[in-house]
Amino acid sequence: MMKIEPQHTGHSTPLELIPIANLINSAHEDDSTLSPLQHIARWSSEYLCKPSADIGRPGVVCPWTPNAMKRETFWLTELATRDRCDQAVCEDMLSLIDHFNRAAPTEGDKTQFKTIVAVFPDIHPEHKVDEFHAMLKPAFLDAGLMLGEFYSTCKKPGLRNPEFRPLTSPIPLLVVREMVDFDIVFLADSQAYVNAYLKRHGAAGLDTLERTLKHRERFGLDPDQVVILERTLAEHRTTDSRVS
């Protein structure tokens, strides 16, 4: 997997991060008049913050969103792709790592609710957002952040209901948030991703990895994911025992 690094092409653009409350408050009732950011702000409020029988668990579609909105740590930004090279778009996205780290709060448990949504209103075809996600994900994981891709035809299944498609959105998005303890279930398909997780969570992450393996059926881990997690756990536990 190619890892994108900033190369200062001169084609990146300053990004404006807008609090979601500003966009919701400025949105009109008629959907046809909404800007792309207003559209996604309304979708976040009316879809992500509501329960769905299809999820396979109690609670709202995205547990992070209501908390992020309540704490005023949810921002949106618009990112243009038309007539721009992939490197320039990636530089824009990578600049969000610094934005994320500098935005308050910068320490404590409340940092886990910080969210930045990059909206791609002119990307074509829409599933090209998958390519940006694949190129950028290693850099975000290395920074201790999760990067999620959303678009209207995204086929990735839900964690507890394989028929549910949680990563669908009316406009293509990339979402940045802090990597939290539970994220091991989303990173178990790659040894590199698991290593990035453990870099962030250390010994506590190993304990979570062990608990995840014990409940592998609940989380729908496939055999390849189980092999990666078991191998990782065995290697680290062996190393720990030698050190002790």
C-alpha atoms as a PDB file:
ATOM      1  CA  MET A   1       0.000   0.000   0.000  1.00  0.00           C
ATOM      2  CA  MET A   2       1.453   3.352  -1.034  1.00  0.00           C
ATOM      3  CA  LYS A   3       1.838   5.821   1.802  1.00  0.00           C
ATOM      4  CA  ILE A   4       1.167   9.414   0.838  1.00  0.00           C
ATOM      5  CA  GLU A   5       3.422  12.107   2.286  1.00  0.00           C
ATOM      6  CA  PRO A   6       3.158  15.876   1.767  1.00  0.00           C
ATOM      7  CA  GLN A   7       5.395  17.094  -1.052  1.00  0.00           C
ATOM      8  CA  HIS A   8       4.436  20.782  -1.061  1.00  0.00           C
ATOM      9  CA  THR A   9       3.208  20.836  -4.639  1.00  0.00           C
ATOM     10  CA  GLY A  10       1.701  24.278  -4.164  1.00  0.00           C
ATOM     11  CA  HIS A  11      -1.712  22.965  -5.194  1.00  0.00           C
ATOM     12  CA  SER A  12      -3.127  22.355  -1.714  1.00  0.00           C
ATOM     13  CA  THR A  13      -5.694  24.823  -0.406  1.00  0.00           C
ATOM     14  CA  PRO A  14      -6.329  26.177   3.099  1.00  0.00           C
ATOM     15  CA  LEU A  15      -9.285  24.332   4.606  1.00  0.00           C
ATOM     16  CA  GLU A  16     -11.946  26.060   6.675  1.00  0.00           C
ATOM     17  CA  LEU A  17     -13.359  23.957   9.499  1.00  0.00           C
ATOM     18  CA  ILE A  18     -16.950  24.919  10.259  1.00  0.00           C
ATOM     19  CA  PRO A  19     -18.726  23.805  13.464  1.00  0.00           C
ATOM     20  CA  ILE A  20     -21.715  21.621  12.663  1.00  0.00           C
ATOM     21  CA  ALA A  21     -24.015  23.801  14.781  1.00  0.00           C
ATOM     22  CA  ASN A  22     -23.363  26.742  12.458  1.00  0.00           C
ATOM     23  CA  LEU A  23     -24.361  24.695   9.436  1.00  0.00           C
ATOM     24  CA  ILE A  24     -27.493  23.223  10.997  1.00  0.00           C
ATOM     25  CA  ASN A  25     -28.640  26.625  12.218  1.00  0.00           C
ATOM     26  CA  SER A  26     -28.129  28.157   8.769  1.00  0.00           C
ATOM     27  CA  ALA A  27     -29.865  25.357   6.839  1.00  0.00           C
ATOM     28  CA  HIS A  28     -33.239  26.004   5.213  1.00  0.00           C
ATOM     29  CA  GLU A  29     -36.161  23.590   5.296  1.00  0.00           C
ATOM     30  CA  ASP A  30     -35.989  22.935   1.544  1.00  0.00           C
ATOM     31  CA  ASP A  31     -33.307  20.326   0.862  1.00  0.00           C
ATOM     32  CA  SER A  32     -32.819  21.624  -2.683  1.00  0.00           C
ATOM     33  CA  THR A  33     -31.305  24.854  -1.333  1.00  0.00           C
ATOM     34  CA  LEU A  34     -28.791  23.239   1.002  1.00  0.00           C
ATOM     35  CA  SER A  35     -25.071  23.576   0.384  1.00  0.00           C
ATOM     36  CA  PRO A  36     -23.067  20.302   0.468  1.00  0.00           C
ATOM     37  CA  LEU A  37     -21.903  21.044   4.019  1.00  0.00           C
ATOM     38  CA  GLN A  38     -25.412  21.920   5.187  1.00  0.00           C
ATOM     39  CA  HIS A  39     -26.708  18.720   3.594  1.00  0.00           C
ATOM     40  CA  ILE A  40     -24.179  16.577   5.460  1.00  0.00           C
ATOM     41  CA  ALA A  41     -24.753  18.497   8.696  1.00  0.00           C
ATOM     42  CA  ARG A  42     -28.477  17.719   8.482  1.00  0.00           C
ATOM     43  CA  TRP A  43     -27.786  14.086   7.524  1.00  0.00           C
ATOM     44  CA  SER A  44     -25.436  13.760  10.528  1.00  0.00           C
ATOM     45  CA  SER A  45     -28.127  15.062  12.852  1.00  0.00           C
ATOM     46  CA  GLU A  46     -31.100  13.220  11.362  1.00  0.00           C
ATOM     47  CA  TYR A  47     -29.463   9.887  10.476  1.00  0.00           C
ATOM     48  CA  LEU A  48     -26.291   9.298  12.487  1.00  0.00           C
ATOM     49  CA  CYS A  49     -27.897  10.497  15.721  1.00  0.00           C
ATOM     50  CA  LYS A  50     -30.973   8.297  15.423  1.00  0.00           C
ATOM     51  CA  PRO A  51     -31.518   4.587  16.218  1.00  0.00           C
ATOM     52  CA  SER A  52     -31.970   2.034  13.466  1.00  0.00           C
ATOM     53  CA  ALA A  53     -33.383  -1.475  13.746  1.00  0.00           C
ATOM     54  CA  ASP A  54     -30.863  -2.602  11.110  1.00  0.00           C
ATOM     55  CA  ILE A  55     -27.747  -1.963  13.202  1.00  0.00           C
ATOM     56  CA  GLY A  56     -28.010  -5.154  15.240  1.00  0.00           C
ATOM     57  CA  ARG A  57     -27.462  -3.391  18.571  1.00  0.00           C
ATOM     58  CA  PRO A  58     -29.301  -0.791  20.677  1.00  0.00           C
ATOM     59  CA  GLY A  59     -28.440   2.872  20.329  1.00  0.00           C
ATOM     60  CA  VAL A  60     -27.962   5.346  17.508  1.00  0.00           C
ATOM     61  CA  VAL A  61     -26.257   4.666  14.188  1.00  0.00           C
ATOM     62  CA  CYS A  62     -23.050   6.449  15.243  1.00  0.00           C
ATOM     63  CA  PRO A  63     -22.543   6.762  19.018  1.00  0.00           C
ATOM     64  CA  TRP A  64     -19.765   9.336  18.531  1.00  0.00           C
ATOM     65  CA  THR A  65     -21.850  11.892  16.646  1.00  0.00           C
ATOM     66  CA  PRO A  66     -24.319  12.994  19.376  1.00  0.00           C
ATOM     67  CA  ASN A  67     -21.485  13.329  21.886  1.00  0.00           C
ATOM     68  CA  ALA A  68     -19.309  15.272  19.451  1.00  0.00           C
ATOM     69  CA  MET A  69     -22.171  17.629  18.611  1.00  0.00           C
ATOM     70  CA  LYS A  70     -23.040  18.132  22.279  1.00  0.00           C
ATOM     71  CA  ARG A  71     -19.432  18.974  23.116  1.00  0.00           C
ATOM     72  CA  GLU A  72     -19.084  21.246  20.050  1.00  0.00           C
ATOM     73  CA  THR A  73     -16.185  19.181  18.725  1.00  0.00           C
ATOM     74  CA  PHE A  74     -17.699  18.274  15.334  1.00  0.00           C
ATOM     75  CA  TRP A  75     -16.460  20.212  12.308  1.00  0.00           C
ATOM     76  CA  LEU A  76     -17.007  19.958   8.559  1.00  0.00           C
ATOM     77  CA  THR A  77     -14.874  21.133   5.664  1.00  0.00           C
ATOM     78  CA  GLU A  78     -15.343  21.046   1.904  1.00  0.00           C
ATOM     79  CA  LEU A  79     -12.619  19.539  -0.233  1.00  0.00           C
ATOM     80  CA  ALA A  80     -12.539  20.067  -4.005  1.00  0.00           C
ATOM     81  CA  THR A  81     -11.152  17.403  -6.343  1.00  0.00           C
ATOM     82  CA  ARG A  82     -12.103  18.635  -9.829  1.00  0.00           C
ATOM     83  CA  ASP A  83      -9.069  19.505 -11.974  1.00  0.00           C
ATOM     84  CA  ARG A  84      -6.730  18.685  -9.089  1.00  0.00           C
ATOM     85  CA  CYS A  85      -4.135  15.928  -8.855  1.00  0.00           C
ATOM     86  CA  ASP A  86      -4.441  13.207  -6.239  1.00  0.00           C
ATOM     87  CA  GLN A  87      -1.315  14.423  -4.460  1.00  0.00           C
ATOM     88  CA  ALA A  88      -2.831  17.874  -3.881  1.00  0.00           C
ATOM     89  CA  VAL A  89      -6.053  16.377  -2.531  1.00  0.00           C
ATOM     90  CA  CYS A  90      -4.057  14.108  -0.232  1.00  0.00           C
ATOM     91  CA  GLU A  91      -2.044  17.067   1.044  1.00  0.00           C
ATOM     92  CA  ASP A  92      -5.295  18.778   1.982  1.00  0.00           C
ATOM     93  CA  MET A  93      -6.424  15.696   3.863  1.00  0.00           C
ATOM     94  CA  LEU A  94      -3.084  15.288   5.624  1.00  0.00           C
ATOM     95  CA  SER A  95      -3.314  18.885   6.839  1.00  0.00           C
ATOM     96  CA  LEU A  96      -6.342  17.776   8.869  1.00  0.00           C
ATOM     97  CA  ILE A  97      -4.051  15.779  11.171  1.00  0.00           C
ATOM     98  CA  ASP A  98      -2.549  19.028  12.436  1.00  0.00           C
ATOM     99  CA  HIS A  99      -5.974  20.695  12.579  1.00  0.00           C
ATOM    100  CA  PHE A 100      -7.264  17.775  14.631  1.00  0.00           C
ATOM    101  CA  ASN A 101      -4.368  17.777  17.064  1.00  0.00           C
ATOM    102  CA  ARG A 102      -4.504  21.542  17.650  1.00  0.00           C
ATOM    103  CA  ALA A 103      -8.285  21.744  18.099  1.00  0.00           C
ATOM    104  CA  ALA A 104      -9.512  21.835  21.698  1.00  0.00           C
ATOM    105  CA  PRO A 105      -9.671  19.713  23.733  1.00  0.00           C
ATOM    106  CA  THR A 106      -6.114  18.508  23.295  1.00  0.00           C
ATOM    107  CA  GLU A 107      -5.932  16.132  26.274  1.00  0.00           C
ATOM    108  CA  GLY A 108      -8.130  13.958  28.447  1.00  0.00           C
ATOM    109  CA  ASP A 109     -11.009  11.643  27.641  1.00  0.00           C
ATOM    110  CA  LYS A 110     -12.972  14.305  25.770  1.00  0.00           C
ATOM    111  CA  THR A 111     -10.531  14.178  22.833  1.00  0.00           C
ATOM    112  CA  GLN A 112     -12.192  10.948  21.696  1.00  0.00           C
ATOM    113  CA  PHE A 113     -15.265  12.900  20.590  1.00  0.00           C
ATOM    114  CA  LYS A 114     -13.442  15.227  18.215  1.00  0.00           C
ATOM    115  CA  THR A 115     -14.614  14.682  14.634  1.00  0.00           C
ATOM    116  CA  ILE A 116     -13.688  16.280  11.318  1.00  0.00           C
ATOM    117  CA  VAL A 117     -15.779  15.448   8.247  1.00  0.00           C
ATOM    118  CA  ALA A 118     -14.216  16.229   4.862  1.00  0.00           C
ATOM    119  CA  VAL A 119     -16.963  16.515   2.244  1.00  0.00           C
ATOM    120  CA  PHE A 120     -16.162  15.783  -1.436  1.00  0.00           C
ATOM    121  CA  PRO A 121     -19.058  17.346  -3.394  1.00  0.00           C
ATOM    122  CA  ASP A 122     -17.477  17.197  -6.866  1.00  0.00           C
ATOM    123  CA  ILE A 123     -15.624  13.870  -6.755  1.00  0.00           C
ATOM    124  CA  HIS A 124     -16.349  11.550  -9.701  1.00  0.00           C
ATOM    125  CA  PRO A 125     -16.901   8.694  -9.663  1.00  0.00           C
ATOM    126  CA  GLU A 126     -17.952   8.801  -6.029  1.00  0.00           C
ATOM    127  CA  HIS A 127     -16.200   5.564  -5.119  1.00  0.00           C
ATOM    128  CA  LYS A 128     -12.865   7.256  -5.887  1.00  0.00           C
ATOM    129  CA  VAL A 129     -13.063   8.291  -2.250  1.00  0.00           C
ATOM    130  CA  ASP A 130     -12.068   4.657  -1.569  1.00  0.00           C
ATOM    131  CA  GLU A 131      -8.753   5.316  -3.335  1.00  0.00           C
ATOM    132  CA  PHE A 132      -8.034   8.365  -1.186  1.00  0.00           C
ATOM    133  CA  HIS A 133      -8.988   6.380   1.896  1.00  0.00           C
ATOM    134  CA  ALA A 134      -6.592   3.552   1.018  1.00  0.00           C
ATOM    135  CA  MET A 135      -3.717   5.956   0.266  1.00  0.00           C
ATOM    136  CA  LEU A 136      -4.202   8.077   3.385  1.00  0.00           C
ATOM    137  CA  LYS A 137      -5.208   5.548   6.030  1.00  0.00           C
ATOM    138  CA  PRO A 138      -1.647   4.511   7.022  1.00  0.00           C
ATOM    139  CA  ALA A 139      -0.651   8.126   7.716  1.00  0.00           C
ATOM    140  CA  PHE A 140      -3.738   8.750   9.849  1.00  0.00           C
ATOM    141  CA  LEU A 141      -3.285   5.508  11.780  1.00  0.00           C
ATOM    142  CA  ASP A 142       0.349   6.404  12.399  1.00  0.00           C
ATOM    143  CA  ALA A 143      -0.943   9.649  13.941  1.00  0.00           C
ATOM    144  CA  GLY A 144      -3.325   7.716  16.200  1.00  0.00           C
ATOM    145  CA  LEU A 145      -6.400   8.655  14.162  1.00  0.00           C
ATOM    146  CA  MET A 146      -9.092   6.695  12.366  1.00  0.00           C
ATOM    147  CA  LEU A 147     -10.121   7.561   8.811  1.00  0.00           C
ATOM    148  CA  GLY A 148     -13.506   6.372   7.574  1.00  0.00           C
ATOM    149  CA  GLU A 149     -14.943   6.491   4.049  1.00  0.00           C
ATOM    150  CA  PHE A 150     -18.613   7.102   3.235  1.00  0.00           C
ATOM    151  CA  TYR A 151     -20.531   7.369  -0.056  1.00  0.00           C
ATOM    152  CA  SER A 152     -23.957   6.409  -1.351  1.00  0.00           C
ATOM    153  CA  THR A 153     -23.025   2.980  -2.742  1.00  0.00           C
ATOM    154  CA  CYS A 154     -20.476   1.870  -0.131  1.00  0.00           C
ATOM    155  CA  LYS A 155     -20.923  -1.880   0.347  1.00  0.00           C
ATOM    156  CA  LYS A 156     -18.995  -2.375   3.591  1.00  0.00           C
ATOM    157  CA  PRO A 157     -21.244  -4.337   5.978  1.00  0.00           C
ATOM    158  CA  GLY A 158     -22.167  -3.508   9.537  1.00  0.00           C
ATOM    159  CA  LEU A 159     -20.254  -5.093  12.396  1.00  0.00           C
ATOM    160  CA  ARG A 160     -23.238  -6.942  13.862  1.00  0.00           C
ATOM    161  CA  ASN A 161     -25.545  -7.124  10.840  1.00  0.00           C
ATOM    162  CA  PRO A 162     -23.861  -7.971   7.523  1.00  0.00           C
ATOM    163  CA  GLU A 163     -26.957  -6.760   5.653  1.00  0.00           C
ATOM    164  CA  PHE A 164     -26.634  -3.260   7.106  1.00  0.00           C
ATOM    165  CA  ARG A 165     -24.556  -0.703   5.186  1.00  0.00           C
ATOM    166  CA  PRO A 166     -23.448   1.852   7.784  1.00  0.00           C
ATOM    167  CA  LEU A 167     -20.968   3.718   5.550  1.00  0.00           C
ATOM    168  CA  THR A 168     -23.478   5.169   3.102  1.00  0.00           C
ATOM    169  CA  SER A 169     -23.939   8.930   2.827  1.00  0.00           C
ATOM    170  CA  PRO A 170     -25.647  11.274   0.355  1.00  0.00           C
ATOM    171  CA  ILE A 171     -22.313  12.918  -0.542  1.00  0.00           C
ATOM    172  CA  PRO A 172     -18.878  11.231  -0.408  1.00  0.00           C
ATOM    173  CA  LEU A 173     -16.977  11.833   2.837  1.00  0.00           C
ATOM    174  CA  LEU A 174     -13.811  11.040   4.713  1.00  0.00           C
ATOM    175  CA  VAL A 175     -14.221  11.209   8.494  1.00  0.00           C
ATOM    176  CA  VAL A 176     -11.377  11.780  10.957  1.00  0.00           C
ATOM    177  CA  ARG A 177     -11.632  10.854  14.631  1.00  0.00           C
ATOM    178  CA  GLU A 178      -9.394   9.622  17.415  1.00  0.00           C
ATOM    179  CA  MET A 179      -8.463   5.948  17.492  1.00  0.00           C
ATOM    180  CA  VAL A 180     -10.184   4.441  20.528  1.00  0.00           C
ATOM    181  CA  ASP A 181      -9.849   1.136  22.370  1.00  0.00           C
ATOM    182  CA  PHE A 182     -12.658  -0.649  20.520  1.00  0.00           C
ATOM    183  CA  ASP A 183     -11.227   0.131  17.072  1.00  0.00           C
ATOM    184  CA  ILE A 184      -9.204  -3.077  16.999  1.00  0.00           C
ATOM    185  CA  VAL A 185     -12.243  -4.788  15.447  1.00  0.00           C
ATOM    186  CA  PHE A 186     -11.974  -2.416  12.458  1.00  0.00           C
ATOM    187  CA  LEU A 187      -8.217  -2.863  12.056  1.00  0.00           C
ATOM    188  CA  ALA A 188      -7.839  -6.627  12.418  1.00  0.00           C
ATOM    189  CA  ASP A 189      -7.585  -7.285   8.680  1.00  0.00           C
ATOM    190  CA  SER A 190      -4.032  -5.919   8.420  1.00  0.00           C
ATOM    191  CA  GLN A 191      -0.923  -6.588  10.486  1.00  0.00           C
ATOM    192  CA  ALA A 192       0.256  -3.046   9.798  1.00  0.00           C
ATOM    193  CA  TYR A 193      -3.030  -1.646  11.096  1.00  0.00           C
ATOM    194  CA  VAL A 194      -2.857  -3.791  14.235  1.00  0.00           C
ATOM    195  CA  ASN A 195       0.696  -2.580  14.832  1.00  0.00           C
ATOM    196  CA  ALA A 196      -0.491   1.032  14.527  1.00  0.00           C
ATOM    197  CA  TYR A 197      -3.259   0.280  17.018  1.00  0.00           C
ATOM    198  CA  LEU A 198      -0.785  -1.141  19.539  1.00  0.00           C
ATOM    199  CA  LYS A 199       1.527   1.829  19.015  1.00  0.00           C
ATOM    200  CA  ARG A 200      -1.368   3.984  20.186  1.00  0.00           C
ATOM    201  CA  HIS A 201      -2.811   1.795  22.963  1.00  0.00           C
ATOM    202  CA  GLY A 202       0.144  -0.248  24.214  1.00  0.00           C
ATOM    203  CA  ALA A 203      -0.477  -2.839  26.941  1.00  0.00           C
ATOM    204  CA  ALA A 204      -4.131  -1.823  27.289  1.00  0.00           C
ATOM    205  CA  GLY A 205      -4.527  -2.507  23.583  1.00  0.00           C
ATOM    206  CA  LEU A 206      -3.169  -6.023  24.022  1.00  0.00           C
ATOM    207  CA  ASP A 207      -5.776  -6.672  26.700  1.00  0.00           C
ATOM    208  CA  THR A 208      -8.500  -5.446  24.335  1.00  0.00           C
ATOM    209  CA  LEU A 209      -7.094  -7.619  21.562  1.00  0.00           C
ATOM    210  CA  GLU A 210      -7.309 -10.633  23.865  1.00  0.00           C
ATOM    211  CA  ARG A 211     -10.926  -9.844  24.824  1.00  0.00           C
ATOM    212  CA  THR A 212     -11.811  -9.349  21.174  1.00  0.00           C
ATOM    213  CA  LEU A 213     -10.487 -12.798  20.312  1.00  0.00           C
ATOM    214  CA  LYS A 214     -12.551 -14.348  23.096  1.00  0.00           C
ATOM    215  CA  HIS A 215     -15.698 -12.812  21.597  1.00  0.00           C
ATOM    216  CA  ARG A 216     -14.728 -13.265  17.952  1.00  0.00           C
ATOM    217  CA  GLU A 217     -18.158 -14.566  16.938  1.00  0.00           C
ATOM    218  CA  ARG A 218     -19.911 -11.505  18.357  1.00  0.00           C
ATOM    219  CA  PHE A 219     -17.667  -9.212  16.335  1.00  0.00           C
ATOM    220  CA  GLY A 220     -17.813 -11.296  13.187  1.00  0.00           C
ATOM    221  CA  LEU A 221     -14.059 -11.786  12.857  1.00  0.00           C
ATOM    222  CA  ASP A 222     -13.145 -13.889   9.843  1.00  0.00           C
ATOM    223  CA  PRO A 223     -10.426 -16.597   9.998  1.00  0.00           C
ATOM    224  CA  ASP A 224      -7.720 -14.346   8.527  1.00  0.00           C
ATOM    225  CA  GLN A 225      -8.409 -11.652  11.114  1.00  0.00           C
ATOM    226  CA  VAL A 226      -8.272 -14.218  13.895  1.00  0.00           C
ATOM    227  CA  VAL A 227      -4.889 -15.446  12.649  1.00  0.00           C
ATOM    228  CA  ILE A 228      -3.478 -11.905  12.642  1.00  0.00           C
ATOM    229  CA  LEU A 229      -4.734 -11.154  16.140  1.00  0.00           C
ATOM    230  CA  GLU A 230      -3.635 -14.500  17.590  1.00  0.00           C
ATOM    231  CA  ARG A 231      -0.168 -14.168  16.063  1.00  0.00           C
ATOM    232  CA  THR A 232       0.187 -10.609  17.325  1.00  0.00           C
ATOM    233  CA  LEU A 233      -0.934 -11.539  20.813  1.00  0.00           C
ATOM    234  CA  ALA A 234       1.378 -14.550  20.963  1.00  0.00           C
ATOM    235  CA  GLU A 235       4.383 -12.525  19.797  1.00  0.00           C
ATOM    236  CA  HIS A 236       3.822  -9.740  22.308  1.00  0.00           C
ATOM    237  CA  ARG A 237       3.035 -12.037  25.227  1.00  0.00           C
ATOM    238  CA  THR A 238       6.202 -14.045  24.489  1.00  0.00           C
ATOM    239  CA  THR A 239       8.260 -10.863  24.365  1.00  0.00           C
ATOM    240  CA  ASP A 240       6.717  -9.647  27.631  1.00  0.00           C
ATOM    241  CA  SER A 241       7.525 -12.922  29.388  1.00  0.00           C
ATOM    242  CA  ARG A 242      11.153 -12.773  28.231  1.00  0.00           C
ATOM    243  CA  VAL A 243      11.526  -9.214  29.490  1.00  0.00           C
ATOM    244  CA  SER A 244      10.003 -10.081  32.854  1.00  0.00           C
END
